[in-house]
Amino acid sequence: MTLDKVLEIANECVYNDNIPTEGLTLKYIIDKKAHEKLDKELFFKTNNNNPNFKHNEVIEINIAGITFIFEQS
């Protein structure tokens, strides 16, 4: 799972009238390697000046009112 894929999913939900997005939460359980890679990608895209990455067990982000939760398997 990459940030680009998460954004693609968010766009599909927002622009598809058949998917009600109010209160929508999507939870993914992904393998440890993919989870850490996504966590690093999000960290370095949002904390450009902070080099102190610390891996989170749970990643939760909100895009266009949709909550994405990522846990590692």
Protein backbone atom coordinates (compact mmCIF):
# COMPACT_ATOMS: atom_id res chain seq x y z
CA MET A 1 0.00 0.00 0.00
CA THR A 2 1.37 3.38 -0.99
CA LEU A 3 0.18 6.91 -0.37
CA ASP A 4 -0.73 7.17 -4.05
CA LYS A 5 -2.96 4.09 -3.69
CA VAL A 6 -4.63 5.56 -0.59
CA LEU A 7 -5.33 8.78 -2.50
CA GLU A 8 -6.72 6.77 -5.42
CA ILE A 9 -9.10 4.94 -3.07
CA ALA A 10 -10.17 8.23 -1.44
CA ASN A 11 -10.86 9.76 -4.87
CA GLU A 12 -12.91 6.74 -5.92
CA CYS A 13 -15.01 7.00 -2.77
CA VAL A 14 -15.55 10.76 -3.06
CA TYR A 15 -16.50 10.76 -6.74
CA ASN A 16 -18.66 7.63 -6.66
CA ASP A 17 -22.21 8.65 -5.74
CA ASN A 18 -22.97 5.07 -4.70
CA ILE A 19 -20.51 5.25 -1.79
CA PRO A 20 -21.77 7.29 1.16
CA THR A 21 -18.68 8.92 2.68
CA GLU A 22 -20.17 10.56 5.76
CA GLY A 23 -18.67 8.73 8.72
CA LEU A 24 -16.82 6.33 6.41
CA THR A 25 -13.88 4.53 8.01
CA LEU A 26 -11.75 2.09 6.06
CA LYS A 27 -9.50 -0.26 8.01
CA TYR A 28 -6.68 -2.17 6.38
CA ILE A 29 -4.50 -4.82 7.96
CA ILE A 30 -1.29 -4.99 5.97
CA ASP A 31 1.96 -6.86 6.42
CA LYS A 32 4.63 -5.35 8.64
CA LYS A 33 6.98 -4.37 5.80
CA ALA A 34 4.26 -2.55 3.81
CA HIS A 35 2.99 -0.91 7.01
CA GLU A 36 6.39 0.52 7.91
CA LYS A 37 6.97 1.67 4.32
CA LEU A 38 3.63 3.53 4.29
CA ASP A 39 4.36 5.02 7.72
CA LYS A 40 7.75 6.30 6.52
CA GLU A 41 6.24 7.70 3.32
CA LEU A 42 3.58 9.61 5.28
CA PHE A 43 6.10 10.83 7.86
CA PHE A 44 8.60 12.20 5.37
CA LYS A 45 5.90 13.84 3.20
CA THR A 46 4.47 15.68 6.22
CA ASN A 47 7.54 16.26 8.44
CA ASN A 48 10.15 17.49 5.97
CA ASN A 49 12.36 19.13 8.58
CA ASN A 50 12.15 16.38 11.20
CA PRO A 51 14.53 13.46 10.57
CA ASN A 52 13.45 11.52 13.69
CA PHE A 53 11.17 8.84 12.29
CA LYS A 54 9.51 6.56 14.85
CA HIS A 55 7.35 3.75 13.50
CA ASN A 56 3.72 3.75 14.68
CA GLU A 57 1.80 0.53 15.31
CA VAL A 58 -1.40 2.11 13.99
CA ILE A 59 -1.58 4.71 11.22
CA GLU A 60 -4.74 6.82 11.07
CA ILE A 61 -5.26 9.51 8.46
CA ASN A 62 -8.26 11.47 7.25
CA ILE A 63 -8.60 12.33 3.58
CA ALA A 64 -11.68 14.17 2.29
CA GLY A 65 -13.62 13.18 5.40
CA ILE A 66 -12.75 9.49 5.04
CA THR A 67 -10.77 7.94 7.88
CA PHE A 68 -8.16 5.38 6.89
CA ILE A 69 -6.77 3.11 9.60
CA PHE A 70 -3.79 0.87 8.88
CA GLU A 71 -2.70 -1.86 11.25
CA GLN A 72 0.06 -4.36 10.74
CA SER A 73 -0.54 -8.09 10.61
